[in-house]
Amino acid sequence: MKKGFKRLGWWLAASLAALVFLPQLMHPGLYVDGLLYAAISRNLASGMGTMWSPYFAEVLFPAFYEHPPLAFWLQSLSYLILGDHWWVDKLYGIVLLAGCLLLIGRIAYRGLGVHWIPAVGFLFLPLVWWSFGNNMLENTVSFFVLLSVWGQYQWTRTSKNYWLILAGVALLAGFLAKGPVALFPLVWLPLDRFFLAKKDMRHGWIGLFWVGGVFLTGFLLLMIYTPSREGILQYLDQQVWSSLSGKRSDGSRIQIAIRLVENLIPLLLLYILGIWLNRSPEQKDNLRYSLRWILFALCGTLPIFISSKINIHYFIPALPFYALALAPLFRNSMFEYLQYTFHLRRFRYGGWLLVVIIWLFALILTFNQTGKPKRDITTLADLELIAEEAGTDTKIGLTTELYQVWSLHANAQRFHQLSLAMDSTLPYVISTRSVLEGHHLLTPANQEFFLHIKAAEQN
């Protein structure tokens, strides 16, 4: 019966994931950053750019150093295996989500039958739906951050040092996906020892030394190799130092903090429910263990506010640990209550019926949305006609008002390999105007972006 209860819980988590992500898999279109990352990964799979100097387009980011390249390397493998299809852009995020849910369950598992509850709580977060459905770099970071914490947790159970080596390698991988934001797992072992075994802090510091040592060794080896050193230094200069110094800024800290709290409301409600239902003699211990996860999540949250360049999705790698705080709250008496209700036939059948209904609804939504873009609909339609006239893998100029329409750049490169230049003197020019002096209109059927050719070139 206990196994059946666990199985139902994980099927519930899987059905929620299917409801949110399967419909997204069936239509093209991503948030502009995710499109840019997908284009870079596809280009890398096609032989354009190198591992340490990824390529986006001929004019814009011919060498992309805005982020470290590991996520692009990994996603490029999916294009090598499955081909250049728009659904591959999103499949990579779904695979990462499955890996994150598995690791959340393994970390939460301590003989409890409700270790699936943090996975469900994680899926309740709107920011998770958005990020994993839009190919954000934080998806890759979240996986490696969880892998590092799981390795450290395994070391506390087995005392096998190879788990710490895994944790250090995962930490380095997280850094190579998005930089310093992935380094907060370094504090997990000291924090864990402080809450669970105060007299054993020595092991917490030993574990920190091992994990940090493995990370530092790998980092120094990369700095010896010239291409990787140049790529990392370019990233640190263009992104990290400029953000910390205020040269690059984006977003209001107060507004971002408010949005973060709003996104965490589903977990806050579950916290309240867990505390209210937890009536066991071990309630104080459960609350302390839960507080440990919340403090650890804050270690991945608060340092981000130091930077002048901040956005809501930067906090995604910390979200699994806010969800893991649910595991201790729903143990013991709550676990026994859920187990008892599962013995009752009507509750057991009702639970499985709910899973079936969610899956059916997910499949209906998926087939209903197949091939129907939900984002940049006009842009995608216009670019299709532009590519028919100008051909793919072409350099096209832009008029001034389009220089910083980044979604146009991203869609043009991802779907048609068009390099858009901030230069209106090229033979082909895209404009928001249907009439352009000295040019002939080639795409009269377009709605927003019109392709023109110089009159002299046409003749």
Protein backbone atom coordinates (compact mmCIF):
# COMPACT_ATOMS: atom_id res chain seq x y z
CA MET A 1 0.00 0.00 0.00
CA LYS A 2 2.84 2.38 0.81
CA LYS A 3 4.38 1.81 -2.64
CA GLY A 4 1.02 2.42 -4.26
CA PHE A 5 0.66 5.71 -2.38
CA LYS A 6 4.13 6.85 -3.52
CA ARG A 7 3.36 5.81 -7.08
CA LEU A 8 0.17 7.88 -7.06
CA GLY A 9 2.08 10.90 -5.80
CA TRP A 10 4.66 10.72 -8.56
CA TRP A 11 1.99 10.14 -11.20
CA LEU A 12 0.29 13.29 -9.92
CA ALA A 13 3.55 15.22 -10.32
CA ALA A 14 4.02 13.79 -13.82
CA SER A 15 0.46 14.68 -14.82
CA LEU A 16 0.89 18.28 -13.63
CA ALA A 17 4.15 18.53 -15.61
CA ALA A 18 2.40 17.14 -18.71
CA LEU A 19 -0.47 19.61 -18.32
CA VAL A 20 1.90 22.56 -18.23
CA PHE A 21 4.63 21.55 -20.66
CA LEU A 22 3.25 19.16 -23.30
CA PRO A 23 1.06 21.85 -24.95
CA GLN A 24 4.09 24.18 -25.09
CA LEU A 25 6.11 21.51 -26.88
CA MET A 26 3.73 21.47 -29.83
CA HIS A 27 4.04 25.03 -31.17
CA PRO A 28 7.02 27.20 -32.16
CA GLY A 29 8.07 30.34 -30.35
CA LEU A 30 10.08 31.19 -27.25
CA TYR A 31 10.94 34.17 -25.10
CA VAL A 32 13.62 36.17 -26.91
CA ASP A 33 16.51 35.04 -24.67
CA GLY A 34 15.54 31.39 -25.08
CA LEU A 35 15.37 31.83 -28.87
CA LEU A 36 18.84 33.35 -28.90
CA TYR A 37 20.25 30.45 -26.85
CA ALA A 38 18.52 27.92 -29.13
CA ALA A 39 19.98 29.60 -32.22
CA ILE A 40 23.48 29.56 -30.72
CA SER A 41 23.13 25.87 -29.83
CA ARG A 42 21.81 24.98 -33.29
CA ASN A 43 24.68 26.92 -34.89
CA LEU A 44 27.18 25.07 -32.73
CA ALA A 45 25.67 21.76 -33.84
CA SER A 46 25.97 22.95 -37.45
CA GLY A 47 29.67 23.73 -37.08
CA MET A 48 29.31 27.52 -36.72
CA GLY A 49 31.32 28.89 -33.84
CA THR A 50 33.46 26.96 -31.38
CA MET A 51 32.95 25.51 -27.92
CA TRP A 52 34.51 28.54 -26.25
CA SER A 53 33.44 31.15 -28.80
CA PRO A 54 29.80 30.41 -29.71
CA TYR A 55 28.29 32.10 -32.76
CA PHE A 56 24.88 33.75 -33.03
CA ALA A 57 24.94 35.74 -36.28
CA GLU A 58 27.40 37.35 -38.67
CA VAL A 59 26.81 40.87 -37.34
CA LEU A 60 25.20 40.47 -33.90
CA PHE A 61 27.30 38.33 -31.53
CA PRO A 62 29.65 36.64 -34.01
CA ALA A 63 31.40 35.61 -30.78
CA PHE A 64 28.93 35.28 -27.90
CA TYR A 65 30.51 35.92 -24.48
CA GLU A 66 27.43 37.09 -22.58
CA HIS A 67 27.27 33.75 -20.75
CA PRO A 68 29.51 30.71 -20.26
CA PRO A 69 28.95 28.07 -22.96
CA LEU A 70 28.09 24.76 -21.22
CA ALA A 71 24.32 25.00 -21.75
CA PHE A 72 24.92 25.65 -25.46
CA TRP A 73 27.21 22.61 -25.73
CA LEU A 74 24.62 20.37 -24.09
CA GLN A 75 21.69 21.66 -26.11
CA SER A 76 23.70 21.38 -29.34
CA LEU A 77 23.82 17.61 -28.71
CA SER A 78 20.03 17.49 -28.96
CA TYR A 79 20.19 19.10 -32.41
CA LEU A 80 22.93 16.70 -33.49
CA ILE A 81 20.81 13.73 -32.39
CA LEU A 82 17.30 14.89 -33.34
CA GLY A 83 17.92 17.42 -36.09
CA ASP A 84 17.07 21.10 -36.53
CA HIS A 85 13.40 21.21 -35.47
CA TRP A 86 11.65 23.91 -33.47
CA TRP A 87 10.31 21.39 -30.94
CA VAL A 88 13.90 20.45 -30.00
CA ASP A 89 14.22 23.97 -28.53
CA LYS A 90 11.65 23.04 -25.89
CA LEU A 91 12.39 19.36 -25.48
CA TYR A 92 15.76 20.18 -23.92
CA GLY A 93 14.00 22.13 -21.14
CA ILE A 94 11.52 19.31 -20.51
CA VAL A 95 14.37 16.80 -20.14
CA LEU A 96 16.05 19.13 -17.64
CA LEU A 97 12.78 19.50 -15.74
CA ALA A 98 12.46 15.72 -15.47
CA GLY A 99 16.02 15.57 -14.13
CA CYS A 100 15.27 18.30 -11.59
CA LEU A 101 12.11 16.56 -10.36
CA LEU A 102 14.01 13.28 -9.99
CA LEU A 103 16.75 14.97 -7.95
CA ILE A 104 14.21 16.82 -5.79
CA GLY A 105 12.61 13.48 -4.98
CA ARG A 106 15.94 11.81 -4.21
CA ILE A 107 17.08 14.64 -1.94
CA ALA A 108 13.76 14.70 -0.08
CA TYR A 109 13.69 10.93 0.35
CA ARG A 110 14.49 9.82 3.91
CA GLY A 111 12.08 6.95 4.26
CA LEU A 112 9.11 9.30 3.92
CA GLY A 113 6.16 8.40 1.76
CA VAL A 114 5.54 12.03 0.83
CA HIS A 115 8.87 12.87 -0.80
CA TRP A 116 6.95 13.64 -3.99
CA ILE A 117 5.27 16.65 -2.36
CA PRO A 118 8.28 19.00 -2.95
CA ALA A 119 8.20 17.99 -6.63
CA VAL A 120 4.51 18.89 -6.85
CA GLY A 121 5.16 22.14 -4.96
CA PHE A 122 7.94 23.00 -7.42
CA LEU A 123 5.53 22.48 -10.32
CA PHE A 124 3.02 24.84 -8.73
CA LEU A 125 5.37 27.80 -9.22
CA PRO A 126 4.47 29.99 -12.24
CA LEU A 127 8.13 30.93 -12.76
CA VAL A 128 8.98 27.24 -13.24
CA TRP A 129 6.32 26.91 -15.95
CA TRP A 130 7.69 29.94 -17.75
CA SER A 131 11.41 29.16 -17.48
CA PHE A 132 11.41 25.49 -18.44
CA GLY A 133 9.04 26.23 -21.30
CA ASN A 134 11.23 29.04 -22.68
CA ASN A 135 14.71 27.48 -22.81
CA MET A 136 16.31 29.67 -20.14
CA LEU A 137 19.89 29.05 -19.01
CA GLU A 138 18.69 28.81 -15.42
CA ASN A 139 17.14 25.44 -16.27
CA THR A 140 20.59 23.94 -16.80
CA VAL A 141 21.91 25.69 -13.68
CA SER A 142 19.03 24.30 -11.59
CA PHE A 143 19.86 20.75 -12.62
CA PHE A 144 23.54 21.02 -11.73
CA VAL A 145 22.86 22.87 -8.47
CA LEU A 146 20.51 20.06 -7.41
CA LEU A 147 23.06 17.46 -8.53
CA SER A 148 25.73 19.12 -6.39
CA VAL A 149 23.49 19.18 -3.31
CA TRP A 150 22.45 15.56 -3.89
CA GLY A 151 26.12 14.53 -4.09
CA GLN A 152 26.82 16.29 -0.79
CA TYR A 153 23.77 14.72 0.81
CA GLN A 154 24.92 11.28 -0.33
CA TRP A 155 28.30 11.91 1.28
CA THR A 156 26.62 12.59 4.63
CA ARG A 157 24.98 9.16 4.39
CA THR A 158 27.87 7.09 3.03
CA SER A 159 31.08 9.03 3.82
CA LYS A 160 32.32 8.11 0.33
CA ASN A 161 34.47 10.94 -1.01
CA TYR A 162 33.55 10.30 -4.63
CA TRP A 163 30.19 11.90 -3.86
CA LEU A 164 32.00 15.11 -2.96
CA ILE A 165 33.94 14.91 -6.22
CA LEU A 166 30.61 14.62 -8.06
CA ALA A 167 29.30 17.61 -6.10
CA GLY A 168 32.36 19.70 -7.03
CA VAL A 169 32.16 18.76 -10.72
CA ALA A 170 28.43 19.60 -10.76
CA LEU A 171 29.23 22.95 -9.15
CA LEU A 172 31.76 23.69 -11.89
CA ALA A 173 29.21 22.66 -14.52
CA GLY A 174 26.66 25.04 -13.01
CA PHE A 175 29.23 27.86 -13.11
CA LEU A 176 29.97 27.06 -16.77
CA ALA A 177 26.24 27.34 -17.51
CA LYS A 178 25.62 30.78 -15.99
CA GLY A 179 28.48 31.91 -13.77
CA PRO A 180 28.64 32.74 -10.03
CA VAL A 181 24.88 32.37 -9.49
CA ALA A 182 25.49 28.60 -9.35
CA LEU A 183 27.99 28.66 -6.46
CA PHE A 184 25.64 28.84 -3.47
CA PRO A 185 25.67 25.00 -2.92
CA LEU A 186 29.10 25.56 -1.32
CA VAL A 187 27.32 26.51 1.92
CA TRP A 188 25.03 23.47 2.05
CA LEU A 189 27.19 21.10 4.13
CA PRO A 190 28.08 23.62 6.88
CA LEU A 191 24.45 24.72 7.02
CA ASP A 192 23.22 21.12 7.11
CA ARG A 193 25.64 20.19 9.91
CA PHE A 194 24.63 23.28 11.90
CA PHE A 195 20.95 22.30 11.86
CA LEU A 196 21.25 18.53 12.12
CA ALA A 197 24.45 17.84 14.04
CA LYS A 198 25.86 20.92 15.75
CA LYS A 199 28.63 18.92 17.38
CA ASP A 200 29.78 17.66 14.00
CA MET A 201 30.53 20.98 12.26
CA ARG A 202 34.01 19.67 11.45
CA HIS A 203 32.54 17.35 8.82
CA GLY A 204 30.67 20.27 7.30
CA TRP A 205 33.90 22.20 6.83
CA ILE A 206 35.72 19.12 5.52
CA GLY A 207 32.98 18.63 2.93
CA LEU A 208 33.15 22.30 1.97
CA PHE A 209 36.92 21.97 1.51
CA TRP A 210 36.48 18.96 -0.78
CA VAL A 211 33.72 20.45 -2.93
CA GLY A 212 35.43 23.83 -3.15
CA GLY A 213 38.76 22.14 -3.90
CA VAL A 214 37.32 20.10 -6.78
CA PHE A 215 35.65 23.21 -8.20
CA LEU A 216 38.81 25.30 -7.90
CA THR A 217 40.97 22.55 -9.45
CA GLY A 218 38.67 22.28 -12.46
CA PHE A 219 38.50 26.06 -12.81
CA LEU A 220 42.30 26.42 -12.74
CA LEU A 221 42.68 23.67 -15.34
CA LEU A 222 40.31 25.58 -17.61
CA MET A 223 42.32 28.76 -17.08
CA ILE A 224 45.46 26.97 -18.29
CA TYR A 225 43.84 26.10 -21.65
CA THR A 226 43.97 29.23 -23.83
CA PRO A 227 40.53 29.08 -25.56
CA SER A 228 38.66 28.37 -22.33
CA ARG A 229 40.64 31.04 -20.45
CA GLU A 230 39.86 33.67 -23.07
CA GLY A 231 36.17 32.71 -23.13
CA ILE A 232 35.81 32.84 -19.33
CA LEU A 233 37.72 36.13 -19.04
CA GLN A 234 35.61 37.69 -21.79
CA TYR A 235 32.46 36.60 -19.95
CA LEU A 236 33.67 37.93 -16.61
CA ASP A 237 34.59 41.27 -18.18
CA GLN A 238 31.47 41.75 -20.31
CA GLN A 239 28.87 40.42 -17.90
CA VAL A 240 29.99 39.98 -14.28
CA TRP A 241 32.26 42.94 -13.61
CA SER A 242 30.08 45.35 -15.61
CA SER A 243 26.96 44.23 -13.70
CA LEU A 244 28.63 44.53 -10.29
CA SER A 245 30.09 47.95 -11.15
CA GLY A 246 26.74 49.29 -12.36
CA LYS A 247 27.78 49.70 -15.99
CA ARG A 248 25.00 47.29 -16.95
CA SER A 249 21.72 47.56 -15.12
CA ASP A 250 18.28 46.09 -15.63
CA GLY A 251 15.28 45.82 -13.34
CA SER A 252 14.24 47.36 -10.02
CA ARG A 253 15.30 45.39 -6.94
CA ILE A 254 12.09 46.24 -5.09
CA GLN A 255 9.84 45.28 -7.99
CA ILE A 256 11.78 42.06 -8.57
CA ALA A 257 11.53 41.18 -4.86
CA ILE A 258 7.75 41.72 -4.96
CA ARG A 259 7.43 39.54 -8.08
CA LEU A 260 9.51 36.82 -6.43
CA VAL A 261 7.24 36.75 -3.37
CA GLU A 262 4.19 36.64 -5.65
CA ASN A 263 5.66 33.62 -7.46
CA LEU A 264 6.29 31.89 -4.13
CA ILE A 265 2.68 32.27 -2.94
CA PRO A 266 1.74 28.64 -3.83
CA LEU A 267 4.59 27.39 -1.63
CA LEU A 268 3.72 29.81 1.16
CA LEU A 269 0.18 28.40 1.21
CA LEU A 270 1.55 24.86 1.32
CA TYR A 271 3.89 25.86 4.19
CA ILE A 272 0.87 27.05 6.17
CA LEU A 273 -1.03 23.86 5.39
CA GLY A 274 1.92 21.68 6.40
CA ILE A 275 2.42 23.49 9.71
CA TRP A 276 -1.30 23.34 10.49
CA LEU A 277 -1.53 19.61 9.76
CA ASN A 278 1.70 18.66 11.52
CA ARG A 279 0.71 17.64 15.04
CA SER A 280 3.43 15.07 15.73
CA PRO A 281 5.73 15.13 18.80
CA GLU A 282 8.58 15.87 16.38
CA GLN A 283 6.96 19.08 15.12
CA LYS A 284 9.82 21.29 16.35
CA ASP A 285 12.40 19.12 14.58
CA ASN A 286 10.34 19.20 11.41
CA LEU A 287 10.13 22.98 11.53
CA ARG A 288 13.88 23.21 12.09
CA TYR A 289 14.65 20.95 9.13
CA SER A 290 12.27 22.99 6.98
CA LEU A 291 13.95 26.22 8.07
CA ARG A 292 17.30 24.75 6.99
CA TRP A 293 16.05 24.47 3.39
CA ILE A 294 14.55 27.95 3.41
CA LEU A 295 17.80 29.49 4.67
CA PHE A 296 19.74 27.56 2.05
CA ALA A 297 17.36 28.82 -0.66
CA LEU A 298 17.94 32.36 0.61
CA CYS A 299 21.67 31.80 0.12
CA GLY A 300 20.86 31.36 -3.57
CA THR A 301 18.49 34.34 -3.59
CA LEU A 302 19.88 37.27 -1.61
CA PRO A 303 23.34 37.56 -3.27
CA ILE A 304 21.67 38.21 -6.63
CA PHE A 305 20.40 41.53 -5.30
CA ILE A 306 24.01 42.75 -5.13
CA SER A 307 24.12 43.06 -8.91
CA SER A 308 22.68 46.09 -10.69
CA LYS A 309 21.55 43.78 -13.50
CA ILE A 310 18.73 41.69 -12.13
CA ASN A 311 15.70 39.86 -13.47
CA ILE A 312 13.10 37.56 -11.98
CA HIS A 313 14.32 34.40 -13.74
CA TYR A 314 17.77 34.71 -12.13
CA PHE A 315 16.23 33.20 -8.96
CA ILE A 316 15.05 29.95 -10.56
CA PRO A 317 18.03 27.81 -9.33
CA ALA A 318 17.01 28.58 -5.72
CA LEU A 319 13.34 27.60 -6.17
CA PRO A 320 13.79 23.81 -5.78
CA PHE A 321 15.07 24.37 -2.25
CA TYR A 322 12.08 26.48 -1.24
CA ALA A 323 10.01 23.49 -2.45
CA LEU A 324 12.18 21.02 -0.51
CA ALA A 325 11.21 22.83 2.70
CA LEU A 326 7.81 21.15 2.31
CA ALA A 327 9.18 17.63 2.90
CA PRO A 328 9.74 17.94 6.68
CA LEU A 329 6.41 19.74 7.18
CA PHE A 330 4.38 16.88 5.69
CA ARG A 331 6.04 14.02 7.55
CA ASN A 332 4.90 11.82 10.45
CA SER A 333 1.27 12.53 11.38
CA MET A 334 0.47 13.95 7.97
CA PHE A 335 2.13 10.98 6.33
CA GLU A 336 0.11 8.58 8.49
CA TYR A 337 -3.11 10.42 7.66
CA LEU A 338 -2.45 10.26 3.91
CA GLN A 339 -1.53 6.58 4.18
CA TYR A 340 -4.76 5.89 6.06
CA THR A 341 -6.94 7.69 3.51
CA PHE A 342 -5.19 5.78 0.74
CA HIS A 343 -6.41 2.55 2.37
CA LEU A 344 -9.95 3.79 1.80
CA ARG A 345 -11.05 2.67 -1.62
CA ARG A 346 -12.88 5.88 -2.53
CA PHE A 347 -9.79 8.01 -1.86
CA ARG A 348 -7.50 5.65 -3.75
CA TYR A 349 -9.76 5.48 -6.78
CA GLY A 350 -10.41 9.21 -6.58
CA GLY A 351 -6.68 9.95 -6.66
CA TRP A 352 -6.09 7.80 -9.73
CA LEU A 353 -9.16 9.27 -11.43
CA LEU A 354 -7.74 12.78 -10.88
CA VAL A 355 -4.45 11.72 -12.50
CA VAL A 356 -6.29 10.28 -15.53
CA ILE A 357 -8.41 13.44 -15.92
CA ILE A 358 -5.35 15.69 -15.81
CA TRP A 359 -3.55 13.54 -18.40
CA LEU A 360 -6.57 13.56 -20.71
CA PHE A 361 -6.89 17.33 -20.38
CA ALA A 362 -3.16 17.71 -21.09
CA LEU A 363 -3.42 15.57 -24.25
CA ILE A 364 -6.48 17.49 -25.48
CA LEU A 365 -4.66 20.81 -25.01
CA THR A 366 -1.57 19.41 -26.70
CA PHE A 367 -3.37 18.29 -29.86
CA ASN A 368 -5.44 21.47 -29.93
CA GLN A 369 -2.30 23.65 -29.94
CA THR A 370 -0.19 21.59 -32.34
CA GLY A 371 1.57 23.84 -34.85
CA LYS A 372 -0.18 27.02 -33.64
CA PRO A 373 2.33 29.70 -32.57
CA LYS A 374 1.44 31.53 -29.37
CA ARG A 375 4.23 34.12 -29.49
CA ASP A 376 5.54 36.46 -32.23
CA ILE A 377 2.83 35.22 -34.61
CA THR A 378 3.09 38.18 -37.01
CA THR A 379 6.89 38.18 -36.87
CA LEU A 380 7.08 34.47 -37.75
CA ALA A 381 4.66 34.89 -40.66
CA ASP A 382 6.50 37.93 -42.05
CA LEU A 383 9.91 36.25 -41.75
CA GLU A 384 8.61 33.23 -43.66
CA LEU A 385 7.82 35.46 -46.64
CA ILE A 386 11.07 37.40 -46.25
CA ALA A 387 13.11 34.19 -46.33
CA GLU A 388 11.29 33.06 -49.46
CA GLU A 389 12.41 36.24 -51.24
CA ALA A 390 15.90 36.73 -49.84
CA GLY A 391 16.81 33.10 -49.18
CA THR A 392 18.12 31.61 -45.96
CA ASP A 393 21.61 32.25 -44.55
CA THR A 394 21.48 35.81 -45.92
CA LYS A 395 22.67 39.14 -44.54
CA ILE A 396 19.86 41.71 -44.47
CA GLY A 397 19.93 45.34 -43.35
CA LEU A 398 17.52 47.06 -40.97
CA THR A 399 16.18 50.56 -40.85
CA THR A 400 16.91 52.53 -37.68
CA GLU A 401 13.68 51.79 -35.81
CA LEU A 402 14.39 48.05 -35.93
CA TYR A 403 17.97 48.05 -34.66
CA GLN A 404 17.01 46.90 -31.16
CA VAL A 405 13.95 44.75 -31.87
CA TRP A 406 15.70 41.71 -30.43
CA SER A 407 12.83 39.32 -31.07
CA LEU A 408 13.22 40.02 -34.80
CA HIS A 409 16.95 39.23 -34.64
CA ALA A 410 16.34 36.04 -32.65
CA ASN A 411 13.49 34.67 -34.79
CA ALA A 412 15.30 35.51 -38.04
CA GLN A 413 18.44 33.63 -37.02
CA ARG A 414 16.75 30.67 -35.29
CA PHE A 415 14.26 29.79 -38.01
CA HIS A 416 15.90 31.09 -41.21
CA GLN A 417 19.58 31.70 -40.34
CA LEU A 418 19.20 35.33 -41.40
CA SER A 419 21.83 37.73 -40.08
CA LEU A 420 20.24 41.13 -39.54
CA ALA A 421 22.62 44.08 -39.66
CA MET A 422 22.07 47.53 -38.24
CA ASP A 423 22.82 48.88 -41.71
CA SER A 424 20.24 50.18 -44.20
CA THR A 425 22.76 50.38 -47.08
CA LEU A 426 22.72 46.63 -47.85
CA PRO A 427 20.89 45.33 -50.96
CA TYR A 428 18.10 43.79 -48.85
CA VAL A 429 16.52 45.92 -46.12
CA ILE A 430 13.73 45.21 -43.61
CA SER A 431 11.60 48.13 -42.49
CA THR A 432 8.30 48.75 -40.73
CA ARG A 433 7.35 50.95 -43.71
CA SER A 434 5.87 49.53 -46.90
CA VAL A 435 7.36 52.40 -48.90
CA LEU A 436 11.10 53.06 -48.69
CA GLU A 437 12.82 55.64 -50.86
CA GLY A 438 15.14 54.14 -53.48
CA HIS A 439 13.84 50.60 -52.88
CA HIS A 440 11.25 48.24 -54.29
CA LEU A 441 8.89 46.35 -51.97
CA LEU A 442 9.23 42.56 -52.21
CA THR A 443 6.73 41.41 -49.56
CA PRO A 444 3.48 43.38 -49.96
CA ALA A 445 1.54 40.71 -48.07
CA ASN A 446 3.50 41.24 -44.84
CA GLN A 447 1.81 42.88 -41.87
CA GLU A 448 4.59 44.35 -39.73
CA PHE A 449 8.04 43.85 -41.26
CA PHE A 450 8.52 44.56 -44.97
CA LEU A 451 11.43 43.41 -47.14
CA HIS A 452 12.79 45.90 -49.69
CA ILE A 453 15.49 45.64 -52.31
CA LYS A 454 17.51 48.51 -53.70
CA ALA A 455 16.19 49.64 -57.05
CA ALA A 456 19.67 49.40 -58.59
CA GLU A 457 20.07 45.82 -57.35
CA GLN A 458 16.73 44.73 -58.82
CA ASN A 459 17.67 46.10 -62.18
